[in-house]
Amino acid sequence: MRKEELAEILEKVRQGEMDTGEALSRIAMEPVTDLGFAMLDHHRELRKGLPEVVYCEGKHRDTIRPIVETLLEKNRGNILLTRACDEVYEEVRAAFPEAEYHRQARYILIRREEKELVGKIVVVTAGTADIPVAEEAAVVAELTGNAVERLYDVGVSGMHRVMSRADVFLEANVIVVAAGMEGALPSIVGGMVECPVIAVPTSIGYGANLGGMAALLGMLNSCALGVAVMNIDNGFGAGYFANLINQLAVGGGSK
C-alpha cells in the first residue's frame, strides 16, 4: 500500500462513498504475508516509500523466487534485490524476464515505474575498488527519485583530483563518500562543503585495514563538521539516507 492509496480510501470515507468498516478492512488487508520461512511486510512502502527490499546474500536461491512473486503481487512499486550474484540473477530472470541486473552494484531490479529525478546527490569514491559500494548508494538513490552525479577515483593519494572537481559539490544537497584503506576522504570532503556528508567505509585495504574497521574508526573520528558514518560496505543504507536528506531539501519529504 502507498500513501496515495491510503489517501484515496480516506477521501472516499470523507465523501461517504465507503464506510469505515470497509476502509479498515482495506487498510489492514494482509499487511504481512507469512511464507513459512519469511514474513513479508507489505506496508513498508506506505511507511518508507519503498517496498521491502530482498537481501540475497545468505539466502538459498529457492527461497528468493516466492519472495519476489509475493512482493510483485502485493506491492505496486519497483522490486529491488540487493547483494545478488550472477547465479541468483539467472534464477530470477528465468521467472521474471524483465529483471535488470546491475552487476557492479550487485542489484537486481524489477522496474514497474519511473520516478522524476529531483535535487542532487553526489556519490564519490576514493578509489576504483570502492565503486561497487558507491554504486549501491547511487542506484538506490536514483530508484527513490533523486538525481545523482558520480565522481569516482579521487582519493587522498592524489588530492588534486578531488580539489579540481570541487565545483561538482556546489549544488549538492548531500554527498556520499565511499572509501577504504584509512578512510580519510570523507573528512577532506566534509571540510570543503556546507551540505551533509555520508561517509561509507569499505572493506578495501591491506591487513591493518581489518576489513574496513580502520576506515570506520577513522571516519567516526573525523574532525570535519557534518559527517555522518554508515556501517562498513553499507552502500544501500547510504543511498536511502541520502534520499531522505535530498527529498527534504527539495521540499518533497520522503517519497
Protein backbone atom coordinates (compact mmCIF):
# COMPACT_ATOMS: atom_id res chain seq x y z
CA MET A 1 0.00 0.00 0.00
CA ARG A 2 1.13 3.54 -0.78
CA LYS A 3 0.29 6.93 0.69
CA GLU A 4 -1.80 7.83 -2.35
CA GLU A 5 -3.82 4.63 -1.99
CA LEU A 6 -4.44 5.39 1.67
CA ALA A 7 -5.41 8.98 0.80
CA GLU A 8 -7.88 7.67 -1.80
CA ILE A 9 -9.52 5.40 0.80
CA LEU A 10 -9.77 8.21 3.34
CA GLU A 11 -11.23 10.58 0.75
CA LYS A 12 -13.92 8.03 -0.12
CA VAL A 13 -14.79 7.75 3.57
CA ARG A 14 -14.98 11.54 3.84
CA GLN A 15 -17.32 11.74 0.86
CA GLY A 16 -19.49 8.89 2.11
CA GLU A 17 -18.54 6.59 -0.76
CA MET A 18 -17.05 3.98 1.59
CA ASP A 19 -17.99 3.03 5.13
CA THR A 20 -15.40 2.86 7.89
CA GLY A 21 -15.60 -0.92 8.13
CA GLU A 22 -14.62 -1.40 4.51
CA ALA A 23 -11.90 1.23 4.87
CA LEU A 24 -10.42 -0.52 7.90
CA SER A 25 -10.56 -3.84 6.09
CA ARG A 26 -8.70 -2.50 3.05
CA ILE A 27 -6.07 -0.75 5.15
CA ALA A 28 -5.46 -3.81 7.31
CA MET A 29 -5.74 -6.34 4.48
CA GLU A 30 -2.73 -8.64 4.50
CA PRO A 31 -0.11 -6.19 5.78
CA VAL A 32 2.13 -9.24 6.27
CA THR A 33 2.43 -12.46 4.27
CA ASP A 34 3.82 -15.49 6.09
CA LEU A 35 5.71 -17.73 3.66
CA GLY A 36 6.82 -20.05 6.42
CA PHE A 37 10.45 -19.02 6.04
CA ALA A 38 9.86 -15.27 5.61
CA MET A 39 7.40 -12.64 6.89
CA LEU A 40 6.92 -10.06 4.15
CA ASP A 41 5.93 -6.54 5.20
CA HIS A 42 3.57 -5.01 2.61
CA HIS A 43 3.05 -1.74 4.49
CA ARG A 44 6.72 -0.81 4.25
CA GLU A 45 6.02 1.08 1.03
CA LEU A 46 3.39 3.11 2.90
CA ARG A 47 5.82 3.94 5.71
CA LYS A 48 9.10 4.27 3.82
CA GLY A 49 8.24 4.91 0.16
CA LEU A 50 9.99 1.73 -0.98
CA PRO A 51 8.68 -1.85 -0.88
CA GLU A 52 10.54 -4.38 1.25
CA VAL A 53 13.98 -4.96 -0.25
CA VAL A 54 15.26 -8.52 -0.69
CA TYR A 55 18.79 -9.07 0.69
CA CYS A 56 20.03 -12.08 -1.30
CA GLU A 57 23.36 -12.90 0.33
CA GLY A 58 22.97 -15.97 2.53
CA LYS A 59 19.55 -16.89 1.13
CA HIS A 60 19.03 -20.14 -0.76
CA ARG A 61 18.01 -19.45 -4.35
CA ASP A 62 14.83 -21.48 -3.94
CA THR A 63 13.52 -19.03 -1.33
CA ILE A 64 14.06 -15.92 -3.43
CA ARG A 65 11.52 -16.64 -6.17
CA PRO A 66 8.44 -16.96 -3.86
CA ILE A 67 9.51 -13.79 -2.04
CA VAL A 68 9.66 -11.85 -5.31
CA GLU A 69 6.37 -13.32 -6.53
CA THR A 70 4.62 -12.21 -3.35
CA LEU A 71 6.13 -8.71 -3.42
CA LEU A 72 5.04 -8.27 -7.04
CA GLU A 73 1.52 -9.36 -6.18
CA LYS A 74 1.08 -7.24 -3.05
CA ASN A 75 3.05 -4.07 -3.89
CA ARG A 76 2.96 -1.59 -6.75
CA GLY A 77 6.48 -0.14 -6.69
CA ASN A 78 9.79 -1.33 -8.10
CA ILE A 79 11.17 -4.53 -6.58
CA LEU A 80 14.81 -4.43 -5.54
CA LEU A 81 17.11 -7.32 -4.66
CA THR A 82 20.50 -6.48 -3.16
CA ARG A 83 23.82 -8.35 -2.87
CA ALA A 84 22.81 -10.60 -5.74
CA CYS A 85 25.33 -12.79 -7.57
CA ASP A 86 25.15 -13.98 -11.19
CA GLU A 87 23.55 -17.29 -10.16
CA VAL A 88 20.75 -15.53 -8.29
CA TYR A 89 20.16 -13.27 -11.28
CA GLU A 90 19.83 -16.26 -13.61
CA GLU A 91 17.29 -17.79 -11.20
CA VAL A 92 15.29 -14.55 -11.01
CA ARG A 93 15.47 -13.84 -14.74
CA ALA A 94 14.14 -17.34 -15.54
CA ALA A 95 10.93 -16.46 -13.68
CA PHE A 96 10.87 -12.73 -14.37
CA PRO A 97 12.46 -11.94 -17.77
CA GLU A 98 12.03 -8.20 -17.22
CA ALA A 99 14.52 -8.24 -14.33
CA GLU A 100 17.53 -5.95 -14.76
CA TYR A 101 20.94 -6.79 -13.30
CA HIS A 102 23.30 -4.06 -12.13
CA ARG A 103 26.33 -6.33 -11.77
CA GLN A 104 28.71 -3.75 -10.32
CA ALA A 105 26.20 -2.72 -7.63
CA ARG A 106 25.02 -6.35 -7.24
CA TYR A 107 21.41 -5.23 -7.61
CA ILE A 108 18.52 -6.92 -9.38
CA LEU A 109 15.69 -4.56 -10.25
CA ILE A 110 12.20 -5.38 -11.49
CA ARG A 111 11.16 -1.96 -12.73
CA ARG A 112 7.47 -1.11 -12.73
CA GLU A 113 7.62 2.66 -12.68
CA GLU A 114 9.91 5.60 -13.36
CA LYS A 115 10.27 8.48 -10.91
CA GLU A 116 11.13 12.07 -11.67
CA LEU A 117 14.70 12.71 -10.53
CA VAL A 118 14.99 15.80 -8.35
CA GLY A 119 17.64 17.66 -6.37
CA LYS A 120 21.23 16.49 -6.46
CA ILE A 121 23.17 13.78 -4.67
CA VAL A 122 26.88 13.43 -5.40
CA VAL A 123 28.42 9.99 -4.90
CA VAL A 124 32.21 9.95 -4.52
CA THR A 125 34.80 7.20 -4.19
CA ALA A 126 38.38 7.28 -3.05
CA GLY A 127 39.41 4.53 -5.49
CA THR A 128 38.00 2.31 -8.20
CA ALA A 129 37.82 -0.65 -5.80
CA ASP A 130 35.22 1.31 -3.81
CA ILE A 131 32.88 1.68 -6.80
CA PRO A 132 30.66 -1.38 -6.08
CA VAL A 133 29.69 0.08 -2.69
CA ALA A 134 29.22 3.53 -4.22
CA GLU A 135 27.04 2.09 -6.98
CA GLU A 136 24.82 0.51 -4.31
CA ALA A 137 24.26 4.01 -2.98
CA ALA A 138 23.84 5.62 -6.41
CA VAL A 139 21.33 3.09 -7.74
CA VAL A 140 19.08 3.15 -4.68
CA ALA A 141 19.19 6.96 -4.65
CA GLU A 142 18.11 7.09 -8.29
CA LEU A 143 15.45 4.46 -7.70
CA THR A 144 13.90 6.59 -4.96
CA GLY A 145 13.69 9.63 -7.23
CA ASN A 146 16.95 11.56 -6.83
CA ALA A 147 19.31 13.00 -9.41
CA VAL A 148 22.78 11.54 -8.86
CA GLU A 149 26.20 12.65 -10.09
CA ARG A 150 29.14 10.28 -9.73
CA LEU A 151 32.72 11.32 -9.02
CA TYR A 152 34.99 8.27 -8.79
CA ASP A 153 38.67 7.63 -8.03
CA VAL A 154 39.53 10.94 -6.39
CA GLY A 155 41.20 9.71 -3.19
CA VAL A 156 43.77 11.36 -0.95
CA SER A 157 46.76 9.80 -2.71
CA GLY A 158 46.20 12.47 -5.38
CA MET A 159 44.39 15.34 -3.65
CA HIS A 160 44.43 17.48 -6.78
CA ARG A 161 41.81 15.15 -8.29
CA VAL A 162 39.08 15.97 -5.78
CA MET A 163 40.15 19.60 -5.38
CA SER A 164 39.91 20.18 -9.11
CA ARG A 165 36.31 18.92 -9.11
CA ALA A 166 35.09 20.99 -6.17
CA ASP A 167 32.54 22.64 -8.49
CA VAL A 168 30.63 19.34 -8.61
CA PHE A 169 29.74 19.77 -4.92
CA LEU A 170 28.28 23.28 -5.19
CA GLU A 171 24.69 22.24 -5.99
CA ALA A 172 24.67 19.03 -3.97
CA ASN A 173 22.15 18.66 -1.17
CA VAL A 174 24.09 15.71 0.24
CA ILE A 175 27.31 13.87 -0.66
CA VAL A 176 28.04 10.17 -0.20
CA VAL A 177 31.74 9.31 0.09
CA ALA A 178 32.89 5.67 -0.06
CA ALA A 179 36.49 4.97 0.94
CA GLY A 180 38.60 2.07 2.18
CA MET A 181 42.22 1.96 3.35
CA GLU A 182 42.47 4.62 6.10
CA GLY A 183 39.14 6.22 5.12
CA ALA A 184 40.38 9.82 5.03
CA LEU A 185 38.43 11.16 2.05
CA PRO A 186 35.10 11.95 3.82
CA SER A 187 36.95 14.27 6.22
CA ILE A 188 38.53 16.09 3.29
CA VAL A 189 35.21 16.48 1.51
CA GLY A 190 33.44 17.37 4.76
CA GLY A 191 35.88 20.22 5.28
CA MET A 192 35.18 21.57 1.78
CA VAL A 193 31.38 21.69 1.68
CA GLU A 194 28.37 23.07 3.51
CA CYS A 195 25.97 20.17 2.86
CA PRO A 196 25.84 16.91 4.86
CA VAL A 197 28.37 14.19 4.02
CA ILE A 198 27.53 10.50 4.43
CA ALA A 199 30.74 8.50 4.89
CA VAL A 200 30.75 4.83 3.90
CA PRO A 201 33.79 2.81 5.00
CA THR A 202 34.58 -0.03 2.62
CA SER A 203 36.38 -3.29 3.32
CA ILE A 204 39.03 -2.43 0.72
CA GLY A 205 42.59 -2.41 2.07
CA TYR A 206 45.58 -4.40 3.28
CA GLY A 207 45.77 -6.35 6.55
CA ALA A 208 45.73 -3.48 9.03
CA ASN A 209 42.61 -2.16 7.35
CA LEU A 210 40.94 -5.02 9.26
CA GLY A 211 38.15 -5.50 6.74
CA GLY A 212 37.07 -1.87 6.91
CA MET A 213 37.44 -1.31 10.66
CA ALA A 214 40.34 1.11 10.18
CA ALA A 215 38.29 3.20 7.74
CA LEU A 216 35.23 3.04 10.00
CA LEU A 217 37.13 4.25 13.06
CA GLY A 218 38.85 6.98 11.05
CA MET A 219 35.51 8.26 9.77
CA LEU A 220 33.93 8.14 13.23
CA ASN A 221 36.82 10.29 14.46
CA SER A 222 36.50 12.86 11.67
CA CYS A 223 37.12 16.43 12.81
CA ALA A 224 35.14 17.81 9.86
CA LEU A 225 31.66 19.09 10.69
CA GLY A 226 28.59 17.48 9.15
CA VAL A 227 29.96 13.99 8.53
CA ALA A 228 27.71 11.02 9.40
CA VAL A 229 29.02 7.45 9.12
CA MET A 230 27.34 4.30 7.83
CA ASN A 231 28.35 0.70 8.55
CA ILE A 232 31.10 -0.99 6.54
CA ASP A 233 30.14 -1.53 2.88
CA ASN A 234 26.58 -0.30 3.53
CA GLY A 235 26.02 1.47 0.23
CA PHE A 236 22.32 0.68 0.32
CA GLY A 237 21.84 2.42 3.66
CA ALA A 238 23.85 5.42 2.48
CA GLY A 239 21.78 5.74 -0.69
CA TYR A 240 18.48 5.61 1.16
CA PHE A 241 19.65 8.06 3.84
CA ALA A 242 20.89 10.42 1.13
CA ASN A 243 17.44 10.15 -0.45
CA LEU A 244 15.79 11.32 2.78
CA ILE A 245 18.09 14.35 3.03
CA ASN A 246 17.74 15.28 -0.64
CA GLN A 247 13.95 14.95 -0.65
CA LEU A 248 13.67 17.19 2.41
CA ALA A 249 15.99 19.71 0.77
CA VAL A 250 13.81 19.96 -2.34
CA GLY A 251 10.65 20.09 -0.25
CA GLY A 252 9.31 16.71 -1.28
CA GLY A 253 9.64 14.87 2.03
CA SER A 254 10.13 11.11 1.91
CA LYS A 255 8.94 9.51 -1.30
